[in-house]
Amino acid sequence: MKRDLMEILCCPVCKGDLELRVSVEKDEVVEGVLRCASCNHEYEIRDGIPNLLPPDFK
């Protein structure tokens, strides 16, 4: 996932801002977590792909 994507991403549940926590980064974010500052839901980033499915659909 490219860091520039953070400018347009929002929480699919409440539309709040997402905070990025990176575990592995090379040219882009490979592993990490996107956490909503408003509702505290977390969305995993694995193999450079953020999983933004709402918790009810996981």
C-alpha atoms as a PDB file:
ATOM      1  CA  MET A   1       0.000   0.000   0.000  1.00  0.00           C
ATOM      2  CA  LYS A   2       1.375   3.406  -0.892  1.00  0.00           C
ATOM      3  CA  ARG A   3       1.421   5.985   1.912  1.00  0.00           C
ATOM      4  CA  ASP A   4      -0.286   8.495  -0.422  1.00  0.00           C
ATOM      5  CA  LEU A   5      -3.422   6.368  -0.164  1.00  0.00           C
ATOM      6  CA  MET A   6      -3.870   7.580   3.438  1.00  0.00           C
ATOM      7  CA  GLU A   7      -5.095  10.934   2.070  1.00  0.00           C
ATOM      8  CA  ILE A   8      -8.247   9.343   0.644  1.00  0.00           C
ATOM      9  CA  LEU A   9      -8.912   6.389   2.987  1.00  0.00           C
ATOM     10  CA  CYS A  10     -11.478   6.587   5.769  1.00  0.00           C
ATOM     11  CA  CYS A  11     -13.145   4.133   8.124  1.00  0.00           C
ATOM     12  CA  PRO A  12     -15.893   2.201   6.286  1.00  0.00           C
ATOM     13  CA  VAL A  13     -17.958   2.053   9.505  1.00  0.00           C
ATOM     14  CA  CYS A  14     -18.009   5.676  10.723  1.00  0.00           C
ATOM     15  CA  LYS A  15     -16.055   7.557   7.994  1.00  0.00           C
ATOM     16  CA  GLY A  16     -13.483   8.645  10.613  1.00  0.00           C
ATOM     17  CA  ASP A  17      -9.779   9.226  10.003  1.00  0.00           C
ATOM     18  CA  LEU A  18      -7.477   6.205   9.964  1.00  0.00           C
ATOM     19  CA  GLU A  19      -4.112   6.010  11.727  1.00  0.00           C
ATOM     20  CA  LEU A  20      -1.380   3.923  10.117  1.00  0.00           C
ATOM     21  CA  ARG A  21       0.808   1.563  12.174  1.00  0.00           C
ATOM     22  CA  VAL A  22       3.509  -0.046  10.017  1.00  0.00           C
ATOM     23  CA  SER A  23       5.102  -3.423  10.795  1.00  0.00           C
ATOM     24  CA  VAL A  24       7.008  -3.956   7.504  1.00  0.00           C
ATOM     25  CA  GLU A  25       7.806  -1.275   4.947  1.00  0.00           C
ATOM     26  CA  LYS A  26       9.935  -1.435   1.814  1.00  0.00           C
ATOM     27  CA  ASP A  27       9.067   0.929  -1.050  1.00  0.00           C
ATOM     28  CA  GLU A  28       5.523   0.856   0.324  1.00  0.00           C
ATOM     29  CA  VAL A  29       3.690  -0.477   3.389  1.00  0.00           C
ATOM     30  CA  VAL A  30       3.715  -4.286   3.233  1.00  0.00           C
ATOM     31  CA  GLU A  31       2.359  -5.215   6.685  1.00  0.00           C
ATOM     32  CA  GLY A  32       0.568  -3.138   9.292  1.00  0.00           C
ATOM     33  CA  VAL A  33      -2.725  -1.948  10.702  1.00  0.00           C
ATOM     34  CA  LEU A  34      -5.100   0.898   9.943  1.00  0.00           C
ATOM     35  CA  ARG A  35      -6.902   1.997  13.118  1.00  0.00           C
ATOM     36  CA  CYS A  36      -9.900   4.313  13.224  1.00  0.00           C
ATOM     37  CA  ALA A  37      -9.385   7.196  15.644  1.00  0.00           C
ATOM     38  CA  SER A  38     -13.158   7.569  16.128  1.00  0.00           C
ATOM     39  CA  CYS A  39     -14.606   4.066  16.570  1.00  0.00           C
ATOM     40  CA  ASN A  40     -11.384   2.083  17.297  1.00  0.00           C
ATOM     41  CA  HIS A  41     -11.948  -0.558  14.585  1.00  0.00           C
ATOM     42  CA  GLU A  42      -8.742  -1.987  13.141  1.00  0.00           C
ATOM     43  CA  TYR A  43      -8.096  -3.042   9.550  1.00  0.00           C
ATOM     44  CA  GLU A  44      -5.143  -5.272   8.709  1.00  0.00           C
ATOM     45  CA  ILE A  45      -2.692  -4.599   5.889  1.00  0.00           C
ATOM     46  CA  ARG A  46      -1.222  -7.828   4.558  1.00  0.00           C
ATOM     47  CA  ASP A  47       0.995  -8.231   1.478  1.00  0.00           C
ATOM     48  CA  GLY A  48       0.499  -4.511   0.761  1.00  0.00           C
ATOM     49  CA  ILE A  49      -3.309  -4.808   0.610  1.00  0.00           C
ATOM     50  CA  PRO A  50      -5.507  -3.093   3.214  1.00  0.00           C
ATOM     51  CA  ASN A  51      -8.540  -5.182   4.223  1.00  0.00           C
ATOM     52  CA  LEU A  52     -11.213  -2.520   4.722  1.00  0.00           C
ATOM     53  CA  LEU A  53     -14.160  -4.862   5.176  1.00  0.00           C
ATOM     54  CA  PRO A  54     -16.343  -3.730   8.096  1.00  0.00           C
ATOM     55  CA  PRO A  55     -16.070  -6.047  11.133  1.00  0.00           C
ATOM     56  CA  ASP A  56     -19.543  -7.516  10.475  1.00  0.00           C
ATOM     57  CA  PHE A  57     -18.330  -8.911   7.123  1.00  0.00           C
ATOM     58  CA  LYS A  58     -15.052 -10.522   8.234  1.00  0.00           C
END
